Amino acid sequence: MNQSSSPDSAAETLLVVRKSSDALDFLDTGSGARFASVPVGAAPHEVAVSPDARRAVVSNYGTSDAPGTTLRLVDLARAEVSAAIDVSPHIHPHGLAWLSPARLAVTVEGASNLIVVDVDAGRVEAAIATGQVMSHMVVAGADGARAFVANIRSGTMTVVDLAASRKVADIATGAGSEGLALTRDGREVWVCARAENRMAVVDTATLEIVASVETPAMPIRVAMSPDGGTAYVTCAAGSALIAINVTSRAVAATHRVDLPLAPGAETRQFAHLGPGTPLPIGLVVSPSGAIYLAATMADRVECLDAATLTPARSFDVGGEPDGIAVVAGGRR
């Protein structure tokens, strides 16, 4: 593990989903130590931290032969699972967006639904049909009024009225629409059209596409900087992370993810997305501004300096790191 110093990443806890190891790892980014590895059920994919930073939730997507139907709640102070929530008959839960410290929006690919979960009661309180194929990732506005769902195979983004539990609209955002993020002011949602190598920028008031930004191959996740001025995008098949100026919508910088593949990576389930590449997918920008990306086929997580997009640290994380999240403060 590279122990070079990085003031941006000091004293933060990095949560890493290891999807082929069925675990959530806790890494202290200041010391580089992995201080906990929590079993979280079969084939986990995504992780999200609650607004009060007391717990995280992990989605158990499962496999095609054994579809997942559960969420795991993880107590961050104790680094242990505090509850398992069964969302069946909904299968393949994936994308996660906290609406409050006790409510959660979850995409369920197997049913083409967005479900709303009461995490304290451990039950599904609403299911809203997207009517689209492969509803994968979700973001929600700060006021919890609307959610936005990216649908990979339909090439669309679905807008959902959460208060009324109904679909508002489907917007054709481009083939392979997958990762998405709201700008800090909530006025735009940026969507990765991975099969078209571009970002679609949607006005949240008019629900119209107002811009299209070209990217390297397969943009797959997007995250905003703390000041709202930059959109960072992992491009899986292009083996890159790019920084886009939110105002000008111009690519300002590019970082080439140049990491060796883990042994046997070429035989893994998702290797076909970017054959021969480390496949950078998972992405999070911490409140301090540090950028973390998960290179799934390299079994590593990189921490990048936001000012230069150069690697500040690199963490060895086996088991196909995918979804990642950050909690302020070191070992909790």
C-alpha atoms as a PDB file:
ATOM      1  CA  MET A   1       0.000   0.000   0.000  1.00  0.00           C
ATOM      2  CA  ASN A   2       1.267   3.431  -0.909  1.00  0.00           C
ATOM      3  CA  GLN A   3       1.657   5.444   2.297  1.00  0.00           C
ATOM      4  CA  SER A   4       2.478   8.818   0.703  1.00  0.00           C
ATOM      5  CA  SER A   5       0.930  11.737   2.546  1.00  0.00           C
ATOM      6  CA  SER A   6      -2.214  13.511   1.420  1.00  0.00           C
ATOM      7  CA  PRO A   7      -3.727  16.246   3.591  1.00  0.00           C
ATOM      8  CA  ASP A   8      -6.993  16.030   1.669  1.00  0.00           C
ATOM      9  CA  SER A   9      -7.561  12.396   2.624  1.00  0.00           C
ATOM     10  CA  ALA A  10      -6.298  12.497   6.226  1.00  0.00           C
ATOM     11  CA  ALA A  11      -8.647  11.322   8.977  1.00  0.00           C
ATOM     12  CA  GLU A  12     -11.436  10.001   6.779  1.00  0.00           C
ATOM     13  CA  THR A  13     -13.012   6.559   6.815  1.00  0.00           C
ATOM     14  CA  LEU A  14     -13.485   4.939   3.427  1.00  0.00           C
ATOM     15  CA  LEU A  15     -16.203   2.305   3.063  1.00  0.00           C
ATOM     16  CA  VAL A  16     -15.549  -0.154   0.242  1.00  0.00           C
ATOM     17  CA  VAL A  17     -17.949  -2.812  -1.041  1.00  0.00           C
ATOM     18  CA  ARG A  18     -16.054  -5.953  -2.071  1.00  0.00           C
ATOM     19  CA  LYS A  19     -18.711  -7.566  -4.207  1.00  0.00           C
ATOM     20  CA  SER A  20     -17.078 -10.961  -4.804  1.00  0.00           C
ATOM     21  CA  SER A  21     -16.031 -11.216  -1.129  1.00  0.00           C
ATOM     22  CA  ASP A  22     -19.505 -10.365   0.257  1.00  0.00           C
ATOM     23  CA  ALA A  23     -17.996  -7.750   2.555  1.00  0.00           C
ATOM     24  CA  LEU A  24     -17.848  -4.060   3.436  1.00  0.00           C
ATOM     25  CA  ASP A  25     -14.378  -2.861   4.422  1.00  0.00           C
ATOM     26  CA  PHE A  26     -13.548   0.109   6.662  1.00  0.00           C
ATOM     27  CA  LEU A  27     -10.288   1.841   5.715  1.00  0.00           C
ATOM     28  CA  ASP A  28      -8.632   4.642   7.677  1.00  0.00           C
ATOM     29  CA  THR A  29      -7.318   6.832   4.885  1.00  0.00           C
ATOM     30  CA  GLY A  30      -4.883   8.621   7.161  1.00  0.00           C
ATOM     31  CA  SER A  31      -2.970   5.512   8.243  1.00  0.00           C
ATOM     32  CA  GLY A  32      -3.962   3.274   5.356  1.00  0.00           C
ATOM     33  CA  ALA A  33      -5.156   0.602   7.787  1.00  0.00           C
ATOM     34  CA  ARG A  34      -8.157  -1.629   7.201  1.00  0.00           C
ATOM     35  CA  PHE A  35      -9.639  -1.764  10.679  1.00  0.00           C
ATOM     36  CA  ALA A  36     -12.809  -3.739   9.949  1.00  0.00           C
ATOM     37  CA  SER A  37     -14.304  -6.044   7.339  1.00  0.00           C
ATOM     38  CA  VAL A  38     -18.011  -6.659   7.801  1.00  0.00           C
ATOM     39  CA  PRO A  39     -19.889  -9.578   6.146  1.00  0.00           C
ATOM     40  CA  VAL A  40     -22.896  -8.030   4.415  1.00  0.00           C
ATOM     41  CA  GLY A  41     -24.597 -10.823   2.488  1.00  0.00           C
ATOM     42  CA  ALA A  42     -24.337 -12.202  -1.024  1.00  0.00           C
ATOM     43  CA  ALA A  43     -23.015 -10.148  -3.937  1.00  0.00           C
ATOM     44  CA  PRO A  44     -23.239  -6.621  -2.520  1.00  0.00           C
ATOM     45  CA  HIS A  45     -22.910  -3.761  -5.030  1.00  0.00           C
ATOM     46  CA  GLU A  46     -23.584  -0.308  -3.561  1.00  0.00           C
ATOM     47  CA  VAL A  47     -23.186   1.506  -0.227  1.00  0.00           C
ATOM     48  CA  ALA A  48     -24.590   4.823   1.028  1.00  0.00           C
ATOM     49  CA  VAL A  49     -24.110   6.688   4.316  1.00  0.00           C
ATOM     50  CA  SER A  50     -27.138   8.080   6.159  1.00  0.00           C
ATOM     51  CA  PRO A  51     -27.507  11.880   6.503  1.00  0.00           C
ATOM     52  CA  ASP A  52     -26.703  11.693  10.221  1.00  0.00           C
ATOM     53  CA  ALA A  53     -23.585   9.567   9.484  1.00  0.00           C
ATOM     54  CA  ARG A  54     -24.678   6.956  12.049  1.00  0.00           C
ATOM     55  CA  ARG A  55     -25.141   4.061   9.663  1.00  0.00           C
ATOM     56  CA  ALA A  56     -24.628   2.870   6.131  1.00  0.00           C
ATOM     57  CA  VAL A  57     -26.770   0.677   3.918  1.00  0.00           C
ATOM     58  CA  VAL A  58     -25.504  -1.940   1.468  1.00  0.00           C
ATOM     59  CA  SER A  59     -27.571  -3.426  -1.370  1.00  0.00           C
ATOM     60  CA  ASN A  60     -27.340  -7.179  -1.939  1.00  0.00           C
ATOM     61  CA  TYR A  61     -27.833  -7.384  -5.689  1.00  0.00           C
ATOM     62  CA  GLY A  62     -27.148 -11.102  -5.870  1.00  0.00           C
ATOM     63  CA  THR A  63     -26.512 -13.020  -9.078  1.00  0.00           C
ATOM     64  CA  SER A  64     -28.609 -14.111 -12.047  1.00  0.00           C
ATOM     65  CA  ASP A  65     -28.930 -17.580 -10.516  1.00  0.00           C
ATOM     66  CA  ALA A  66     -29.589 -16.298  -6.985  1.00  0.00           C
ATOM     67  CA  PRO A  67     -31.156 -12.818  -7.149  1.00  0.00           C
ATOM     68  CA  GLY A  68     -30.650 -10.725  -4.030  1.00  0.00           C
ATOM     69  CA  THR A  69     -33.602  -9.410  -2.025  1.00  0.00           C
ATOM     70  CA  THR A  70     -31.970  -7.785   0.996  1.00  0.00           C
ATOM     71  CA  LEU A  71     -30.381  -4.625   2.322  1.00  0.00           C
ATOM     72  CA  ARG A  72     -27.866  -4.619   5.187  1.00  0.00           C
ATOM     73  CA  LEU A  73     -27.803  -1.761   7.692  1.00  0.00           C
ATOM     74  CA  VAL A  74     -24.340  -1.226   9.162  1.00  0.00           C
ATOM     75  CA  ASP A  75     -23.696   0.587  12.444  1.00  0.00           C
ATOM     76  CA  LEU A  76     -20.715   2.807  11.639  1.00  0.00           C
ATOM     77  CA  ALA A  77     -19.568   3.293  15.232  1.00  0.00           C
ATOM     78  CA  ARG A  78     -19.534  -0.438  15.936  1.00  0.00           C
ATOM     79  CA  ALA A  79     -18.573  -1.560  12.406  1.00  0.00           C
ATOM     80  CA  GLU A  80     -21.180  -4.300  12.415  1.00  0.00           C
ATOM     81  CA  VAL A  81     -24.458  -5.188  10.736  1.00  0.00           C
ATOM     82  CA  SER A  82     -27.364  -3.926  12.820  1.00  0.00           C
ATOM     83  CA  ALA A  83     -30.215  -5.216  10.660  1.00  0.00           C
ATOM     84  CA  ALA A  84     -31.089  -7.075   7.471  1.00  0.00           C
ATOM     85  CA  ILE A  85     -34.116  -5.796   5.568  1.00  0.00           C
ATOM     86  CA  ASP A  86     -35.898  -8.191   3.219  1.00  0.00           C
ATOM     87  CA  VAL A  87     -37.446  -6.271   0.304  1.00  0.00           C
ATOM     88  CA  SER A  88     -38.904  -9.308  -1.478  1.00  0.00           C
ATOM     89  CA  PRO A  89     -40.721  -9.867  -3.746  1.00  0.00           C
ATOM     90  CA  HIS A  90     -38.537  -7.113  -5.198  1.00  0.00           C
ATOM     91  CA  ILE A  91     -35.301  -8.601  -6.554  1.00  0.00           C
ATOM     92  CA  HIS A  92     -31.867  -7.199  -7.447  1.00  0.00           C
ATOM     93  CA  PRO A  93     -31.814  -4.103  -5.204  1.00  0.00           C
ATOM     94  CA  HIS A  94     -29.049  -1.807  -6.401  1.00  0.00           C
ATOM     95  CA  GLY A  95     -28.991   2.015  -6.332  1.00  0.00           C
ATOM     96  CA  LEU A  96     -29.406   3.775  -2.972  1.00  0.00           C
ATOM     97  CA  ALA A  97     -30.425   7.291  -1.952  1.00  0.00           C
ATOM     98  CA  TRP A  98     -31.193   8.332   1.619  1.00  0.00           C
ATOM     99  CA  LEU A  99     -34.262  10.585   1.882  1.00  0.00           C
ATOM    100  CA  SER A 100     -33.871  11.133   5.644  1.00  0.00           C
ATOM    101  CA  PRO A 101     -32.032   9.322   8.457  1.00  0.00           C
ATOM    102  CA  ALA A 102     -34.870   6.748   8.481  1.00  0.00           C
ATOM    103  CA  ARG A 103     -36.076   6.553   4.863  1.00  0.00           C
ATOM    104  CA  LEU A 104     -34.330   5.250   1.793  1.00  0.00           C
ATOM    105  CA  ALA A 105     -35.004   5.077  -1.952  1.00  0.00           C
ATOM    106  CA  VAL A 106     -33.750   1.904  -3.656  1.00  0.00           C
ATOM    107  CA  THR A 107     -33.810   0.790  -7.281  1.00  0.00           C
ATOM    108  CA  VAL A 108     -34.822  -2.843  -7.827  1.00  0.00           C
ATOM    109  CA  GLU A 109     -33.762  -3.959 -11.282  1.00  0.00           C
ATOM    110  CA  GLY A 110     -35.671  -7.226 -11.268  1.00  0.00           C
ATOM    111  CA  ALA A 111     -39.027  -5.472 -10.910  1.00  0.00           C
ATOM    112  CA  SER A 112     -38.260  -2.174 -12.688  1.00  0.00           C
ATOM    113  CA  ASN A 113     -39.320  -0.360  -9.539  1.00  0.00           C
ATOM    114  CA  LEU A 114     -38.125   2.334  -7.224  1.00  0.00           C
ATOM    115  CA  ILE A 115     -39.010   1.347  -3.681  1.00  0.00           C
ATOM    116  CA  VAL A 116     -39.101   3.529  -0.569  1.00  0.00           C
ATOM    117  CA  VAL A 117     -37.952   1.731   2.577  1.00  0.00           C
ATOM    118  CA  ASP A 118     -38.602   2.607   6.209  1.00  0.00           C
ATOM    119  CA  VAL A 119     -35.275   1.415   7.579  1.00  0.00           C
ATOM    120  CA  ASP A 120     -36.304   1.566  11.243  1.00  0.00           C
ATOM    121  CA  ALA A 121     -39.432  -0.511  10.675  1.00  0.00           C
ATOM    122  CA  GLY A 122     -37.571  -2.716   8.182  1.00  0.00           C
ATOM    123  CA  ARG A 123     -40.314  -2.604   5.573  1.00  0.00           C
ATOM    124  CA  VAL A 124     -41.086  -1.350   2.072  1.00  0.00           C
ATOM    125  CA  GLU A 125     -43.568   1.498   2.375  1.00  0.00           C
ATOM    126  CA  ALA A 126     -44.013   2.265  -1.333  1.00  0.00           C
ATOM    127  CA  ALA A 127     -43.158   0.793  -4.742  1.00  0.00           C
ATOM    128  CA  ILE A 128     -43.231   3.020  -7.831  1.00  0.00           C
ATOM    129  CA  ALA A 129     -42.991   1.346 -11.233  1.00  0.00           C
ATOM    130  CA  THR A 130     -40.519   2.970 -13.614  1.00  0.00           C
ATOM    131  CA  GLY A 131     -41.826   0.983 -16.577  1.00  0.00           C
ATOM    132  CA  GLN A 132     -38.235   0.948 -17.838  1.00  0.00           C
ATOM    133  CA  VAL A 133     -35.627  -1.791 -18.220  1.00  0.00           C
ATOM    134  CA  MET A 134     -32.716  -2.159 -15.791  1.00  0.00           C
ATOM    135  CA  SER A 135     -33.464   0.680 -13.365  1.00  0.00           C
ATOM    136  CA  HIS A 136     -30.003   0.911 -11.847  1.00  0.00           C
ATOM    137  CA  MET A 137     -28.974   4.076  -9.972  1.00  0.00           C
ATOM    138  CA  VAL A 138     -30.946   6.767  -8.135  1.00  0.00           C
ATOM    139  CA  VAL A 139     -30.427  10.241  -6.708  1.00  0.00           C
ATOM    140  CA  ALA A 140     -32.889  12.372  -4.755  1.00  0.00           C
ATOM    141  CA  GLY A 141     -33.287  16.092  -4.262  1.00  0.00           C
ATOM    142  CA  ALA A 142     -32.296  17.631  -0.940  1.00  0.00           C
ATOM    143  CA  ASP A 143     -35.959  18.288  -0.114  1.00  0.00           C
ATOM    144  CA  GLY A 144     -36.884  14.644  -0.729  1.00  0.00           C
ATOM    145  CA  ALA A 145     -39.647  15.625  -3.132  1.00  0.00           C
ATOM    146  CA  ARG A 146     -38.310  13.963  -6.265  1.00  0.00           C
ATOM    147  CA  ALA A 147     -36.032  11.110  -7.220  1.00  0.00           C
ATOM    148  CA  PHE A 148     -34.258  10.516 -10.509  1.00  0.00           C
ATOM    149  CA  VAL A 149     -33.622   6.963 -11.738  1.00  0.00           C
ATOM    150  CA  ALA A 150     -31.225   5.914 -14.514  1.00  0.00           C
ATOM    151  CA  ASN A 151     -32.398   2.998 -16.660  1.00  0.00           C
ATOM    152  CA  ILE A 152     -29.534   1.282 -18.503  1.00  0.00           C
ATOM    153  CA  ARG A 153     -31.288  -0.765 -21.164  1.00  0.00           C
ATOM    154  CA  SER A 154     -34.030   1.772 -21.833  1.00  0.00           C
ATOM    155  CA  GLY A 155     -31.523   4.612 -22.180  1.00  0.00           C
ATOM    156  CA  THR A 156     -33.678   6.882 -20.061  1.00  0.00           C
ATOM    157  CA  MET A 157     -33.945   8.719 -16.777  1.00  0.00           C
ATOM    158  CA  THR A 158     -37.224   8.398 -14.859  1.00  0.00           C
ATOM    159  CA  VAL A 159     -38.450  11.282 -12.704  1.00  0.00           C
ATOM    160  CA  VAL A 160     -40.436  10.180  -9.640  1.00  0.00           C
ATOM    161  CA  ASP A 161     -42.710  12.252  -7.395  1.00  0.00           C
ATOM    162  CA  LEU A 162     -41.944  10.721  -3.993  1.00  0.00           C
ATOM    163  CA  ALA A 163     -44.776  12.407  -2.101  1.00  0.00           C
ATOM    164  CA  ALA A 164     -47.378  11.117  -4.546  1.00  0.00           C
ATOM    165  CA  SER A 165     -45.522   7.816  -5.206  1.00  0.00           C
ATOM    166  CA  ARG A 166     -45.902   8.199  -8.951  1.00  0.00           C
ATOM    167  CA  LYS A 167     -43.801   8.484 -12.074  1.00  0.00           C
ATOM    168  CA  VAL A 168     -43.662  11.986 -13.564  1.00  0.00           C
ATOM    169  CA  ALA A 169     -41.744  11.416 -16.797  1.00  0.00           C
ATOM    170  CA  ASP A 170     -39.168   9.398 -18.713  1.00  0.00           C
ATOM    171  CA  ILE A 171     -36.410  11.389 -20.418  1.00  0.00           C
ATOM    172  CA  ALA A 172     -34.327   9.885 -23.226  1.00  0.00           C
ATOM    173  CA  THR A 173     -30.859  10.586 -21.802  1.00  0.00           C
ATOM    174  CA  GLY A 174     -28.931   8.186 -24.045  1.00  0.00           C
ATOM    175  CA  ALA A 175     -28.093   4.533 -24.519  1.00  0.00           C
ATOM    176  CA  GLY A 176     -26.746   2.885 -21.403  1.00  0.00           C
ATOM    177  CA  SER A 177     -27.871   5.619 -18.993  1.00  0.00           C
ATOM    178  CA  GLU A 178     -26.351   4.555 -15.679  1.00  0.00           C
ATOM    179  CA  GLY A 179     -24.561   6.851 -13.208  1.00  0.00           C
ATOM    180  CA  LEU A 180     -26.154  10.170 -12.323  1.00  0.00           C
ATOM    181  CA  ALA A 181     -25.718  13.067  -9.909  1.00  0.00           C
ATOM    182  CA  LEU A 182     -27.500  16.281  -9.015  1.00  0.00           C
ATOM    183  CA  THR A 183     -25.612  19.554  -9.097  1.00  0.00           C
ATOM    184  CA  ARG A 184     -25.189  21.164  -5.676  1.00  0.00           C
ATOM    185  CA  ASP A 185     -27.905  23.740  -6.398  1.00  0.00           C
ATOM    186  CA  GLY A 186     -30.308  21.005  -7.535  1.00  0.00           C
ATOM    187  CA  ARG A 187     -30.944  22.699 -10.860  1.00  0.00           C
ATOM    188  CA  GLU A 188     -29.416  20.003 -13.052  1.00  0.00           C
ATOM    189  CA  VAL A 189     -28.957  16.257 -13.044  1.00  0.00           C
ATOM    190  CA  TRP A 190     -25.998  14.868 -14.969  1.00  0.00           C
ATOM    191  CA  VAL A 191     -26.467  11.404 -16.477  1.00  0.00           C
ATOM    192  CA  CYS A 192     -23.793   9.035 -17.826  1.00  0.00           C
ATOM    193  CA  ALA A 193     -24.869   7.689 -21.229  1.00  0.00           C
ATOM    194  CA  ARG A 194     -22.230   4.996 -21.152  1.00  0.00           C
ATOM    195  CA  ALA A 195     -22.943   3.477 -24.588  1.00  0.00           C
ATOM    196  CA  GLU A 196     -22.759   6.895 -26.270  1.00  0.00           C
ATOM    197  CA  ASN A 197     -19.626   8.166 -24.466  1.00  0.00           C
ATOM    198  CA  ARG A 198     -21.268  11.348 -23.255  1.00  0.00           C
ATOM    199  CA  MET A 199     -22.988  13.052 -20.359  1.00  0.00           C
ATOM    200  CA  ALA A 200     -26.561  14.294 -20.700  1.00  0.00           C
ATOM    201  CA  VAL A 201     -27.346  17.392 -18.624  1.00  0.00           C
ATOM    202  CA  VAL A 202     -31.022  17.700 -17.650  1.00  0.00           C
ATOM    203  CA  ASP A 203     -32.729  20.817 -16.268  1.00  0.00           C
ATOM    204  CA  THR A 204     -34.693  19.643 -13.207  1.00  0.00           C
ATOM    205  CA  ALA A 205     -37.324  22.367 -13.597  1.00  0.00           C
ATOM    206  CA  THR A 206     -38.148  21.916 -17.293  1.00  0.00           C
ATOM    207  CA  LEU A 207     -37.015  18.272 -17.543  1.00  0.00           C
ATOM    208  CA  GLU A 208     -35.298  19.118 -20.808  1.00  0.00           C
ATOM    209  CA  ILE A 209     -31.792  18.099 -21.892  1.00  0.00           C
ATOM    210  CA  VAL A 210     -29.814  21.341 -21.978  1.00  0.00           C
ATOM    211  CA  ALA A 211     -26.338  20.034 -22.829  1.00  0.00           C
ATOM    212  CA  SER A 212     -24.328  17.021 -23.931  1.00  0.00           C
ATOM    213  CA  VAL A 213     -20.670  16.561 -22.954  1.00  0.00           C
ATOM    214  CA  GLU A 214     -18.398  14.088 -24.750  1.00  0.00           C
ATOM    215  CA  THR A 215     -16.271  11.780 -22.564  1.00  0.00           C
ATOM    216  CA  PRO A 216     -13.785   8.909 -22.904  1.00  0.00           C
ATOM    217  CA  ALA A 217     -15.268   5.439 -23.368  1.00  0.00           C
ATOM    218  CA  MET A 218     -18.058   4.311 -21.052  1.00  0.00           C
ATOM    219  CA  PRO A 219     -18.782   7.067 -18.533  1.00  0.00           C
ATOM    220  CA  ILE A 220     -20.299   5.107 -15.662  1.00  0.00           C
ATOM    221  CA  ARG A 221     -20.337   7.167 -12.419  1.00  0.00           C
ATOM    222  CA  VAL A 222     -20.439  10.900 -11.718  1.00  0.00           C
ATOM    223  CA  ALA A 223     -19.894  12.855  -8.493  1.00  0.00           C
ATOM    224  CA  MET A 224     -19.861  16.580  -7.753  1.00  0.00           C
ATOM    225  CA  SER A 225     -17.134  18.527  -5.947  1.00  0.00           C
ATOM    226  CA  PRO A 226     -18.013  20.055  -2.556  1.00  0.00           C
ATOM    227  CA  ASP A 227     -18.138  23.557  -4.059  1.00  0.00           C
ATOM    228  CA  GLY A 228     -20.375  22.379  -6.898  1.00  0.00           C
ATOM    229  CA  GLY A 229     -18.064  23.649  -9.606  1.00  0.00           C
ATOM    230  CA  THR A 230     -16.746  20.344 -10.956  1.00  0.00           C
ATOM    231  CA  ALA A 231     -18.292  17.076 -12.062  1.00  0.00           C
ATOM    232  CA  TYR A 232     -15.962  14.094 -11.798  1.00  0.00           C
ATOM    233  CA  VAL A 233     -16.692  11.094 -14.042  1.00  0.00           C
ATOM    234  CA  THR A 234     -15.205   7.601 -14.093  1.00  0.00           C
ATOM    235  CA  CYS A 235     -14.950   6.206 -17.616  1.00  0.00           C
ATOM    236  CA  ALA A 236     -14.704   2.432 -17.264  1.00  0.00           C
ATOM    237  CA  ALA A 237     -13.652   1.246 -20.722  1.00  0.00           C
ATOM    238  CA  GLY A 238     -11.589   4.410 -21.265  1.00  0.00           C
ATOM    239  CA  SER A 239      -9.717   3.702 -18.011  1.00  0.00           C
ATOM    240  CA  ALA A 240      -9.937   7.340 -16.999  1.00  0.00           C
ATOM    241  CA  LEU A 241     -11.340   9.857 -14.559  1.00  0.00           C
ATOM    242  CA  ILE A 242     -12.232  13.257 -15.964  1.00  0.00           C
ATOM    243  CA  ALA A 243     -13.060  16.611 -14.384  1.00  0.00           C
ATOM    244  CA  ILE A 244     -15.747  18.696 -16.106  1.00  0.00           C
ATOM    245  CA  ASN A 245     -16.398  22.363 -15.350  1.00  0.00           C
ATOM    246  CA  VAL A 246     -20.097  22.482 -14.418  1.00  0.00           C
ATOM    247  CA  THR A 247     -20.595  26.034 -15.727  1.00  0.00           C
ATOM    248  CA  SER A 248     -18.728  25.817 -19.045  1.00  0.00           C
ATOM    249  CA  ARG A 249     -19.375  22.064 -19.431  1.00  0.00           C
ATOM    250  CA  ALA A 250     -15.849  21.650 -20.742  1.00  0.00           C
ATOM    251  CA  VAL A 251     -13.503  18.826 -19.755  1.00  0.00           C
ATOM    252  CA  ALA A 252     -10.870  20.539 -17.603  1.00  0.00           C
ATOM    253  CA  ALA A 253      -8.577  17.614 -16.791  1.00  0.00           C
ATOM    254  CA  THR A 254      -8.125  13.879 -17.340  1.00  0.00           C
ATOM    255  CA  HIS A 255      -6.443  11.256 -15.152  1.00  0.00           C
ATOM    256  CA  ARG A 256      -5.418   7.992 -16.759  1.00  0.00           C
ATOM    257  CA  VAL A 257      -6.106   5.064 -14.417  1.00  0.00           C
ATOM    258  CA  ASP A 258      -3.023   2.977 -15.081  1.00  0.00           C
ATOM    259  CA  LEU A 259      -3.098   0.025 -12.705  1.00  0.00           C
ATOM    260  CA  PRO A 260      -2.189  -3.634 -13.315  1.00  0.00           C
ATOM    261  CA  LEU A 261      -5.037  -6.132 -13.383  1.00  0.00           C
ATOM    262  CA  ALA A 262      -5.523  -8.428 -10.422  1.00  0.00           C
ATOM    263  CA  PRO A 263      -4.758 -12.122 -11.029  1.00  0.00           C
ATOM    264  CA  GLY A 264      -7.652 -13.763 -12.846  1.00  0.00           C
ATOM    265  CA  ALA A 265      -9.455 -10.449 -13.427  1.00  0.00           C
ATOM    266  CA  GLU A 266      -9.985 -11.205 -17.109  1.00  0.00           C
ATOM    267  CA  THR A 267     -12.339 -14.079 -16.181  1.00  0.00           C
ATOM    268  CA  ARG A 268     -14.562 -12.033 -13.864  1.00  0.00           C
ATOM    269  CA  GLN A 269     -18.224 -11.427 -14.608  1.00  0.00           C
ATOM    270  CA  PHE A 270     -17.937  -7.756 -15.555  1.00  0.00           C
ATOM    271  CA  ALA A 271     -14.528  -7.863 -17.291  1.00  0.00           C
ATOM    272  CA  HIS A 272     -16.258  -7.609 -20.665  1.00  0.00           C
ATOM    273  CA  LEU A 273     -17.212  -3.987 -19.932  1.00  0.00           C
ATOM    274  CA  GLY A 274     -13.614  -2.923 -20.538  1.00  0.00           C
ATOM    275  CA  PRO A 275     -11.439  -5.855 -21.569  1.00  0.00           C
ATOM    276  CA  GLY A 276      -7.864  -5.459 -20.366  1.00  0.00           C
ATOM    277  CA  THR A 277      -8.584  -2.336 -18.302  1.00  0.00           C
ATOM    278  CA  PRO A 278      -8.622  -1.868 -14.504  1.00  0.00           C
ATOM    279  CA  LEU A 279     -12.277  -0.805 -14.957  1.00  0.00           C
ATOM    280  CA  PRO A 280     -12.639   2.291 -12.754  1.00  0.00           C
ATOM    281  CA  ILE A 281     -16.279   2.410 -11.616  1.00  0.00           C
ATOM    282  CA  GLY A 282     -17.043   3.324  -8.002  1.00  0.00           C
ATOM    283  CA  LEU A 283     -16.559   7.020  -7.275  1.00  0.00           C
ATOM    284  CA  VAL A 284     -16.990   9.355  -4.320  1.00  0.00           C
ATOM    285  CA  VAL A 285     -15.784  12.863  -3.495  1.00  0.00           C
ATOM    286  CA  SER A 286     -15.331  13.432   0.229  1.00  0.00           C
ATOM    287  CA  PRO A 287     -16.376  16.615   2.073  1.00  0.00           C
ATOM    288  CA  SER A 288     -12.660  17.489   2.229  1.00  0.00           C
ATOM    289  CA  GLY A 289     -12.498  17.350  -1.575  1.00  0.00           C
ATOM    290  CA  ALA A 290     -10.462  14.140  -1.897  1.00  0.00           C
ATOM    291  CA  ILE A 291     -11.512  11.947  -4.837  1.00  0.00           C
ATOM    292  CA  TYR A 292     -11.717   8.177  -4.428  1.00  0.00           C
ATOM    293  CA  LEU A 293     -12.256   5.731  -7.284  1.00  0.00           C
ATOM    294  CA  ALA A 294     -12.580   1.955  -7.221  1.00  0.00           C
ATOM    295  CA  ALA A 295     -10.684   0.121  -9.959  1.00  0.00           C
ATOM    296  CA  THR A 296     -12.692  -3.092  -9.927  1.00  0.00           C
ATOM    297  CA  MET A 297     -10.412  -5.270 -12.037  1.00  0.00           C
ATOM    298  CA  ALA A 298      -7.248  -4.033 -10.315  1.00  0.00           C
ATOM    299  CA  ASP A 299      -8.541  -4.699  -6.771  1.00  0.00           C
ATOM    300  CA  ARG A 300      -7.432  -1.198  -5.788  1.00  0.00           C
ATOM    301  CA  VAL A 301      -8.924   2.115  -4.695  1.00  0.00           C
ATOM    302  CA  GLU A 302      -7.092   5.292  -5.707  1.00  0.00           C
ATOM    303  CA  CYS A 303      -7.226   8.574  -3.799  1.00  0.00           C
ATOM    304  CA  LEU A 304      -6.620  11.545  -6.102  1.00  0.00           C
ATOM    305  CA  ASP A 305      -5.593  15.097  -5.334  1.00  0.00           C
ATOM    306  CA  ALA A 306      -8.497  17.258  -6.529  1.00  0.00           C
ATOM    307  CA  ALA A 307      -6.267  20.123  -7.677  1.00  0.00           C
ATOM    308  CA  THR A 308      -4.059  18.030  -9.949  1.00  0.00           C
ATOM    309  CA  LEU A 309      -5.925  14.701 -10.428  1.00  0.00           C
ATOM    310  CA  THR A 310      -2.711  12.925  -9.482  1.00  0.00           C
ATOM    311  CA  PRO A 311      -2.752   9.835  -7.235  1.00  0.00           C
ATOM    312  CA  ALA A 312      -2.099  10.686  -3.588  1.00  0.00           C
ATOM    313  CA  ARG A 313      -2.669   7.182  -2.224  1.00  0.00           C
ATOM    314  CA  SER A 314      -3.531   3.730  -3.455  1.00  0.00           C
ATOM    315  CA  PHE A 315      -5.254   1.074  -1.372  1.00  0.00           C
ATOM    316  CA  ASP A 316      -5.030  -2.655  -2.022  1.00  0.00           C
ATOM    317  CA  VAL A 317      -8.595  -4.006  -1.681  1.00  0.00           C
ATOM    318  CA  GLY A 318      -9.240  -7.541  -2.905  1.00  0.00           C
ATOM    319  CA  GLY A 319     -12.568  -8.963  -3.978  1.00  0.00           C
ATOM    320  CA  GLU A 320     -13.624  -6.534  -6.722  1.00  0.00           C
ATOM    321  CA  PRO A 321     -14.126  -3.156  -5.020  1.00  0.00           C
ATOM    322  CA  ASP A 322     -17.220  -1.464  -6.419  1.00  0.00           C
ATOM    323  CA  GLY A 323     -19.488   0.866  -4.425  1.00  0.00           C
ATOM    324  CA  ILE A 324     -17.620   3.259  -2.124  1.00  0.00           C
ATOM    325  CA  ALA A 325     -18.526   5.969   0.387  1.00  0.00           C
ATOM    326  CA  VAL A 326     -16.717   8.277   2.792  1.00  0.00           C
ATOM    327  CA  VAL A 327     -17.370   9.193   6.413  1.00  0.00           C
ATOM    328  CA  ALA A 328     -15.617  12.210   7.935  1.00  0.00           C
ATOM    329  CA  GLY A 329     -13.122  11.285  10.638  1.00  0.00           C
ATOM    330  CA  GLY A 330     -10.661   8.414  10.918  1.00  0.00           C
ATOM    331  CA  ARG A 331     -11.258   5.192  12.809  1.00  0.00           C
ATOM    332  CA  ARG A 332     -14.643   5.553  14.497  1.00  0.00           C
END
